[in-house]
Amino acid sequence: MKNLIKQLRKIGIIFVLMIVFSACGKKEIDLSDYVKIDASGYDGIGTASAEIDYRKFSEDHKKDVKFKKEFLKDF
């Protein structure tokens, strides 16, 4: 009987820890707000280019994402 109680306590502790850690999720960032994609061409022949607004992204998410200063000096 004591062994069963110990097992139930272990399962309860694991369950509580799973709930606590799953509630501490990371914030989602919608990258489509910061990416501009241009495409031209037809029938599978063409070009595509993408631009990322790093400055706006870094300003909006200062707390969430850290950039090196060397990286942002060009933007």
PDB file of N, CA and C in Angstrom:
ATOM      1  N   MET A   1       0.826  -1.201   0.000  1.00  0.00           N
ATOM      2  CA  MET A   1       0.000   0.000   0.000  1.00  0.00           C
ATOM      3  C   MET A   1       0.869   1.264   0.000  1.00  0.00           C
ATOM      4  N   LYS A   2       1.953   1.260   0.795  1.00  0.00           N
ATOM      5  CA  LYS A   2       2.841   2.414   0.839  1.00  0.00           C
ATOM      6  C   LYS A   2       3.513   2.636  -0.511  1.00  0.00           C
ATOM      7  N   ASN A   3       3.833   1.535  -1.183  1.00  0.00           N
ATOM      8  CA  ASN A   3       4.464   1.628  -2.498  1.00  0.00           C
ATOM      9  C   ASN A   3       3.516   2.278  -3.501  1.00  0.00           C
ATOM     10  N   LEU A   4       2.239   1.948  -3.421  1.00  0.00           N
ATOM     11  CA  LEU A   4       1.238   2.536  -4.313  1.00  0.00           C
ATOM     12  C   LEU A   4       1.110   4.033  -4.068  1.00  0.00           C
ATOM     13  N   ILE A   5       1.133   4.453  -2.820  1.00  0.00           N
ATOM     14  CA  ILE A   5       1.027   5.873  -2.473  1.00  0.00           C
ATOM     15  C   ILE A   5       2.244   6.635  -2.993  1.00  0.00           C
ATOM     16  N   LYS A   6       3.439   6.043  -2.871  1.00  0.00           N
ATOM     17  CA  LYS A   6       4.657   6.672  -3.390  1.00  0.00           C
ATOM     18  C   LYS A   6       4.573   6.842  -4.905  1.00  0.00           C
ATOM     19  N   GLN A   7       4.085   5.825  -5.580  1.00  0.00           N
ATOM     20  CA  GLN A   7       3.953   5.890  -7.040  1.00  0.00           C
ATOM     21  C   GLN A   7       2.958   6.968  -7.451  1.00  0.00           C
ATOM     22  N   LEU A   8       1.837   7.054  -6.736  1.00  0.00           N
ATOM     23  CA  LEU A   8       0.839   8.080  -7.047  1.00  0.00           C
ATOM     24  C   LEU A   8       1.386   9.480  -6.791  1.00  0.00           C
ATOM     25  N   ARG A   9       2.174   9.640  -5.744  1.00  0.00           N
ATOM     26  CA  ARG A   9       2.803  10.938  -5.485  1.00  0.00           C
ATOM     27  C   ARG A   9       3.751  11.318  -6.610  1.00  0.00           C
ATOM     28  N   LYS A  10       4.560  10.358  -7.055  1.00  0.00           N
ATOM     29  CA  LYS A  10       5.494  10.618  -8.159  1.00  0.00           C
ATOM     30  C   LYS A  10       4.731  11.028  -9.421  1.00  0.00           C
ATOM     31  N   ILE A  11       3.676  10.316  -9.722  1.00  0.00           N
ATOM     32  CA  ILE A  11       2.874  10.633 -10.911  1.00  0.00           C
ATOM     33  C   ILE A  11       2.244  12.021 -10.763  1.00  0.00           C
ATOM     34  N   GLY A  12       1.754  12.336  -9.569  1.00  0.00           N
ATOM     35  CA  GLY A  12       1.162  13.654  -9.321  1.00  0.00           C
ATOM     36  C   GLY A  12       2.174  14.772  -9.490  1.00  0.00           C
ATOM     37  N   ILE A  13       3.384  14.572  -8.967  1.00  0.00           N
ATOM     38  CA  ILE A  13       4.430  15.588  -9.094  1.00  0.00           C
ATOM     39  C   ILE A  13       4.808  15.781 -10.550  1.00  0.00           C
ATOM     40  N   ILE A  14       4.952  14.698 -11.281  1.00  0.00           N
ATOM     41  CA  ILE A  14       5.284  14.790 -12.705  1.00  0.00           C
ATOM     42  C   ILE A  14       4.182  15.517 -13.460  1.00  0.00           C
ATOM     43  N   PHE A  15       2.944  15.220 -13.156  1.00  0.00           N
ATOM     44  CA  PHE A  15       1.810  15.851 -13.813  1.00  0.00           C
ATOM     45  C   PHE A  15       1.804  17.367 -13.555  1.00  0.00           C
ATOM     46  N   VAL A  16       2.024  17.757 -12.307  1.00  0.00           N
ATOM     47  CA  VAL A  16       2.053  19.182 -11.957  1.00  0.00           C
ATOM     48  C   VAL A  16       3.208  19.883 -12.668  1.00  0.00           C
ATOM     49  N   LEU A  17       4.378  19.251 -12.697  1.00  0.00           N
ATOM     50  CA  LEU A  17       5.524  19.842 -13.386  1.00  0.00           C
ATOM     51  C   LEU A  17       5.265  20.000 -14.887  1.00  0.00           C
ATOM     52  N   MET A  18       4.595  19.020 -15.479  1.00  0.00           N
ATOM     53  CA  MET A  18       4.272  19.120 -16.910  1.00  0.00           C
ATOM     54  C   MET A  18       3.356  20.312 -17.167  1.00  0.00           C
ATOM     55  N   ILE A  19       2.391  20.526 -16.320  1.00  0.00           N
ATOM     56  CA  ILE A  19       1.475  21.657 -16.477  1.00  0.00           C
ATOM     57  C   ILE A  19       2.219  22.974 -16.307  1.00  0.00           C
ATOM     58  N   VAL A  20       3.088  23.049 -15.299  1.00  0.00           N
ATOM     59  CA  VAL A  20       3.836  24.280 -15.052  1.00  0.00           C
ATOM     60  C   VAL A  20       4.742  24.604 -16.228  1.00  0.00           C
ATOM     61  N   PHE A  21       5.489  23.613 -16.716  1.00  0.00           N
ATOM     62  CA  PHE A  21       6.421  23.874 -17.806  1.00  0.00           C
ATOM     63  C   PHE A  21       5.723  24.124 -19.135  1.00  0.00           C
ATOM     64  N   SER A  22       4.576  23.534 -19.355  1.00  0.00           N
ATOM     65  CA  SER A  22       3.864  23.794 -20.606  1.00  0.00           C
ATOM     66  C   SER A  22       3.234  25.182 -20.605  1.00  0.00           C
ATOM     67  N   ALA A  23       2.962  25.728 -19.442  1.00  0.00           N
ATOM     68  CA  ALA A  23       2.399  27.074 -19.345  1.00  0.00           C
ATOM     69  C   ALA A  23       3.466  28.144 -19.557  1.00  0.00           C
ATOM     70  N   CYS A  24       4.716  27.770 -19.479  1.00  0.00           N
ATOM     71  CA  CYS A  24       5.819  28.715 -19.646  1.00  0.00           C
ATOM     72  C   CYS A  24       6.303  28.714 -21.085  1.00  0.00           C
ATOM     73  N   GLY A  25       5.400  28.687 -22.031  1.00  0.00           N
ATOM     74  CA  GLY A  25       5.764  28.629 -23.438  1.00  0.00           C
ATOM     75  C   GLY A  25       6.356  29.934 -23.932  1.00  0.00           C
ATOM     76  N   LYS A  26       7.020  29.845 -25.056  1.00  0.00           N
ATOM     77  CA  LYS A  26       7.638  31.021 -25.639  1.00  0.00           C
ATOM     78  C   LYS A  26       6.622  31.758 -26.502  1.00  0.00           C
ATOM     79  N   LYS A  27       6.872  33.023 -26.690  1.00  0.00           N
ATOM     80  CA  LYS A  27       5.983  33.864 -27.476  1.00  0.00           C
ATOM     81  C   LYS A  27       6.176  33.567 -28.963  1.00  0.00           C
ATOM     82  N   GLU A  28       5.083  33.476 -29.692  1.00  0.00           N
ATOM     83  CA  GLU A  28       5.160  33.286 -31.137  1.00  0.00           C
ATOM     84  C   GLU A  28       5.312  34.631 -31.820  1.00  0.00           C
ATOM     85  N   ILE A  29       6.117  34.652 -32.864  1.00  0.00           N
ATOM     86  CA  ILE A  29       6.349  35.870 -33.631  1.00  0.00           C
ATOM     87  C   ILE A  29       5.917  35.603 -35.066  1.00  0.00           C
ATOM     88  N   ASP A  30       5.046  36.446 -35.593  1.00  0.00           N
ATOM     89  CA  ASP A  30       4.579  36.313 -36.968  1.00  0.00           C
ATOM     90  C   ASP A  30       5.581  37.009 -37.889  1.00  0.00           C
ATOM     91  N   LEU A  31       6.408  36.227 -38.574  1.00  0.00           N
ATOM     92  CA  LEU A  31       7.463  36.786 -39.413  1.00  0.00           C
ATOM     93  C   LEU A  31       6.930  37.417 -40.697  1.00  0.00           C
ATOM     94  N   SER A  32       5.708  37.113 -41.070  1.00  0.00           N
ATOM     95  CA  SER A  32       5.162  37.688 -42.292  1.00  0.00           C
ATOM     96  C   SER A  32       4.992  39.202 -42.187  1.00  0.00           C
ATOM     97  N   ASP A  33       4.991  39.739 -40.966  1.00  0.00           N
ATOM     98  CA  ASP A  33       4.910  41.192 -40.786  1.00  0.00           C
ATOM     99  C   ASP A  33       6.225  41.883 -41.149  1.00  0.00           C
ATOM    100  N   TYR A  34       7.304  41.142 -41.254  1.00  0.00           N
ATOM    101  CA  TYR A  34       8.624  41.726 -41.455  1.00  0.00           C
ATOM    102  C   TYR A  34       9.302  41.275 -42.748  1.00  0.00           C
ATOM    103  N   VAL A  35       8.652  40.427 -43.516  1.00  0.00           N
ATOM    104  CA  VAL A  35       9.244  39.899 -44.747  1.00  0.00           C
ATOM    105  C   VAL A  35       8.435  40.362 -45.946  1.00  0.00           C
ATOM    106  N   LYS A  36       9.135  40.841 -46.973  1.00  0.00           N
ATOM    107  CA  LYS A  36       8.494  41.232 -48.223  1.00  0.00           C
ATOM    108  C   LYS A  36       9.079  40.347 -49.325  1.00  0.00           C
ATOM    109  N   ILE A  37       8.220  39.649 -50.058  1.00  0.00           N
ATOM    110  CA  ILE A  37       8.662  38.751 -51.116  1.00  0.00           C
ATOM    111  C   ILE A  37       8.135  39.257 -52.443  1.00  0.00           C
ATOM    112  N   ASP A  38       9.041  39.393 -53.411  1.00  0.00           N
ATOM    113  CA  ASP A  38       8.681  39.800 -54.767  1.00  0.00           C
ATOM    114  C   ASP A  38       9.013  38.654 -55.713  1.00  0.00           C
ATOM    115  N   ALA A  39       8.100  38.352 -56.611  1.00  0.00           N
ATOM    116  CA  ALA A  39       8.327  37.291 -57.591  1.00  0.00           C
ATOM    117  C   ALA A  39       7.881  37.782 -58.957  1.00  0.00           C
ATOM    118  N   SER A  40       8.631  37.386 -59.971  1.00  0.00           N
ATOM    119  CA  SER A  40       8.255  37.728 -61.340  1.00  0.00           C
ATOM    120  C   SER A  40       8.594  36.560 -62.244  1.00  0.00           C
ATOM    121  N   GLY A  41       7.856  36.424 -63.335  1.00  0.00           N
ATOM    122  CA  GLY A  41       8.093  35.339 -64.272  1.00  0.00           C
ATOM    123  C   GLY A  41       6.800  34.616 -64.593  1.00  0.00           C
ATOM    124  N   TYR A  42       6.934  33.545 -65.360  1.00  0.00           N
ATOM    125  CA  TYR A  42       5.764  32.759 -65.742  1.00  0.00           C
ATOM    126  C   TYR A  42       6.201  31.344 -66.090  1.00  0.00           C
ATOM    127  N   ASP A  43       5.260  30.401 -66.060  1.00  0.00           N
ATOM    128  CA  ASP A  43       5.475  28.994 -66.416  1.00  0.00           C
ATOM    129  C   ASP A  43       6.703  28.384 -65.747  1.00  0.00           C
ATOM    130  N   GLY A  44       6.916  28.662 -64.512  1.00  0.00           N
ATOM    131  CA  GLY A  44       8.021  28.054 -63.783  1.00  0.00           C
ATOM    132  C   GLY A  44       9.361  28.711 -64.014  1.00  0.00           C
ATOM    133  N   ILE A  45       9.403  29.746 -64.838  1.00  0.00           N
ATOM    134  CA  ILE A  45      10.644  30.466 -65.095  1.00  0.00           C
ATOM    135  C   ILE A  45      10.492  31.858 -64.505  1.00  0.00           C
ATOM    136  N   GLY A  46      11.402  32.228 -63.653  1.00  0.00           N
ATOM    137  CA  GLY A  46      11.301  33.544 -63.048  1.00  0.00           C
ATOM    138  C   GLY A  46      12.288  33.713 -61.918  1.00  0.00           C
ATOM    139  N   THR A  47      12.119  34.778 -61.219  1.00  0.00           N
ATOM    140  CA  THR A  47      12.992  35.061 -60.084  1.00  0.00           C
ATOM    141  C   THR A  47      12.145  35.464 -58.880  1.00  0.00           C
ATOM    142  N   ALA A  48      12.724  35.278 -57.752  1.00  0.00           N
ATOM    143  CA  ALA A  48      12.065  35.694 -56.510  1.00  0.00           C
ATOM    144  C   ALA A  48      13.113  36.338 -55.610  1.00  0.00           C
ATOM    145  N   SER A  49      12.687  37.334 -54.875  1.00  0.00           N
ATOM    146  CA  SER A  49      13.588  37.969 -53.924  1.00  0.00           C
ATOM    147  C   SER A  49      12.834  38.222 -52.629  1.00  0.00           C
ATOM    148  N   ALA A  50      13.575  38.236 -51.542  1.00  0.00           N
ATOM    149  CA  ALA A  50      12.964  38.461 -50.229  1.00  0.00           C
ATOM    150  C   ALA A  50      13.748  39.535 -49.501  1.00  0.00           C
ATOM    151  N   GLU A  51      13.021  40.413 -48.826  1.00  0.00           N
ATOM    152  CA  GLU A  51      13.628  41.448 -48.000  1.00  0.00           C
ATOM    153  C   GLU A  51      13.080  41.308 -46.590  1.00  0.00           C
ATOM    154  N   ILE A  52      13.971  41.426 -45.620  1.00  0.00           N
ATOM    155  CA  ILE A  52      13.578  41.342 -44.221  1.00  0.00           C
ATOM    156  C   ILE A  52      13.876  42.675 -43.557  1.00  0.00           C
ATOM    157  N   ASP A  53      12.879  43.227 -42.891  1.00  0.00           N
ATOM    158  CA  ASP A  53      13.047  44.503 -42.191  1.00  0.00           C
ATOM    159  C   ASP A  53      13.570  44.213 -40.776  1.00  0.00           C
ATOM    160  N   TYR A  54      14.895  44.067 -40.689  1.00  0.00           N
ATOM    161  CA  TYR A  54      15.524  43.722 -39.418  1.00  0.00           C
ATOM    162  C   TYR A  54      15.354  44.827 -38.378  1.00  0.00           C
ATOM    163  N   ARG A  55      15.393  46.058 -38.804  1.00  0.00           N
ATOM    164  CA  ARG A  55      15.290  47.168 -37.857  1.00  0.00           C
ATOM    165  C   ARG A  55      13.914  47.151 -37.174  1.00  0.00           C
ATOM    166  N   LYS A  56      12.836  47.051 -37.970  1.00  0.00           N
ATOM    167  CA  LYS A  56      11.489  47.018 -37.397  1.00  0.00           C
ATOM    168  C   LYS A  56      11.316  45.789 -36.499  1.00  0.00           C
ATOM    169  N   PHE A  57      11.837  44.666 -36.957  1.00  0.00           N
ATOM    170  CA  PHE A  57      11.743  43.438 -36.169  1.00  0.00           C
ATOM    171  C   PHE A  57      12.444  43.604 -34.822  1.00  0.00           C
ATOM    172  N   SER A  58      13.650  44.150 -34.838  1.00  0.00           N
ATOM    173  CA  SER A  58      14.388  44.306 -33.582  1.00  0.00           C
ATOM    174  C   SER A  58      13.729  45.331 -32.665  1.00  0.00           C
ATOM    175  N   GLU A  59      13.121  46.375 -33.239  1.00  0.00           N
ATOM    176  CA  GLU A  59      12.433  47.366 -32.413  1.00  0.00           C
ATOM    177  C   GLU A  59      11.173  46.785 -31.766  1.00  0.00           C
ATOM    178  N   ASP A  60      10.440  45.969 -32.521  1.00  0.00           N
ATOM    179  CA  ASP A  60       9.198  45.396 -32.006  1.00  0.00           C
ATOM    180  C   ASP A  60       9.431  44.292 -30.973  1.00  0.00           C
ATOM    181  N   HIS A  61      10.564  43.619 -31.057  1.00  0.00           N
ATOM    182  CA  HIS A  61      10.807  42.453 -30.201  1.00  0.00           C
ATOM    183  C   HIS A  61      12.113  42.576 -29.423  1.00  0.00           C
ATOM    184  N   LYS A  62      12.356  43.737 -28.861  1.00  0.00           N
ATOM    185  CA  LYS A  62      13.584  43.970 -28.093  1.00  0.00           C
ATOM    186  C   LYS A  62      13.714  42.992 -26.932  1.00  0.00           C
ATOM    187  N   LYS A  63      12.608  42.695 -26.285  1.00  0.00           N
ATOM    188  CA  LYS A  63      12.640  41.823 -25.108  1.00  0.00           C
ATOM    189  C   LYS A  63      12.765  40.349 -25.482  1.00  0.00           C
ATOM    190  N   ASP A  64      12.255  39.980 -26.660  1.00  0.00           N
ATOM    191  CA  ASP A  64      12.177  38.571 -27.035  1.00  0.00           C
ATOM    192  C   ASP A  64      13.407  38.067 -27.779  1.00  0.00           C
ATOM    193  N   VAL A  65      14.011  38.931 -28.611  1.00  0.00           N
ATOM    194  CA  VAL A  65      15.103  38.510 -29.478  1.00  0.00           C
ATOM    195  C   VAL A  65      16.278  39.457 -29.287  1.00  0.00           C
ATOM    196  N   LYS A  66      17.462  38.894 -29.189  1.00  0.00           N
ATOM    197  CA  LYS A  66      18.664  39.706 -29.039  1.00  0.00           C
ATOM    198  C   LYS A  66      19.518  39.588 -30.295  1.00  0.00           C
ATOM    199  N   PHE A  67      19.896  40.745 -30.860  1.00  0.00           N
ATOM    200  CA  PHE A  67      20.799  40.785 -31.998  1.00  0.00           C
ATOM    201  C   PHE A  67      22.149  41.305 -31.530  1.00  0.00           C
ATOM    202  N   LYS A  68      23.204  40.865 -32.177  1.00  0.00           N
ATOM    203  CA  LYS A  68      24.524  41.427 -31.904  1.00  0.00           C
ATOM    204  C   LYS A  68      24.587  42.820 -32.507  1.00  0.00           C
ATOM    205  N   LYS A  69      25.300  43.726 -31.872  1.00  0.00           N
ATOM    206  CA  LYS A  69      25.390  45.096 -32.356  1.00  0.00           C
ATOM    207  C   LYS A  69      26.024  45.154 -33.743  1.00  0.00           C
ATOM    208  N   GLU A  70      26.988  44.273 -34.010  1.00  0.00           N
ATOM    209  CA  GLU A  70      27.628  44.241 -35.326  1.00  0.00           C
ATOM    210  C   GLU A  70      26.628  43.923 -36.431  1.00  0.00           C
ATOM    211  N   PHE A  71      25.632  43.099 -36.107  1.00  0.00           N
ATOM    212  CA  PHE A  71      24.637  42.706 -37.094  1.00  0.00           C
ATOM    213  C   PHE A  71      23.728  43.887 -37.463  1.00  0.00           C
ATOM    214  N   LEU A  72      23.319  44.662 -36.477  1.00  0.00           N
ATOM    215  CA  LEU A  72      22.359  45.725 -36.708  1.00  0.00           C
ATOM    216  C   LEU A  72      22.988  47.019 -37.208  1.00  0.00           C
ATOM    217  N   LYS A  73      24.308  47.150 -37.200  1.00  0.00           N
ATOM    218  CA  LYS A  73      24.912  48.406 -37.612  1.00  0.00           C
ATOM    219  C   LYS A  73      24.688  48.695 -39.092  1.00  0.00           C
ATOM    220  N   ASP A  74      24.471  47.681 -39.914  1.00  0.00           N
ATOM    221  CA  ASP A  74      24.240  47.879 -41.338  1.00  0.00           C
ATOM    222  C   ASP A  74      22.797  48.245 -41.658  1.00  0.00           C
ATOM    223  N   PHE A  75      21.909  48.148 -40.681  1.00  0.00           N
ATOM    224  CA  PHE A  75      20.487  48.372 -40.955  1.00  0.00           C
ATOM    225  C   PHE A  75      20.039  49.653 -40.369  1.00  0.00           C
TER     226      PHE A  75
END
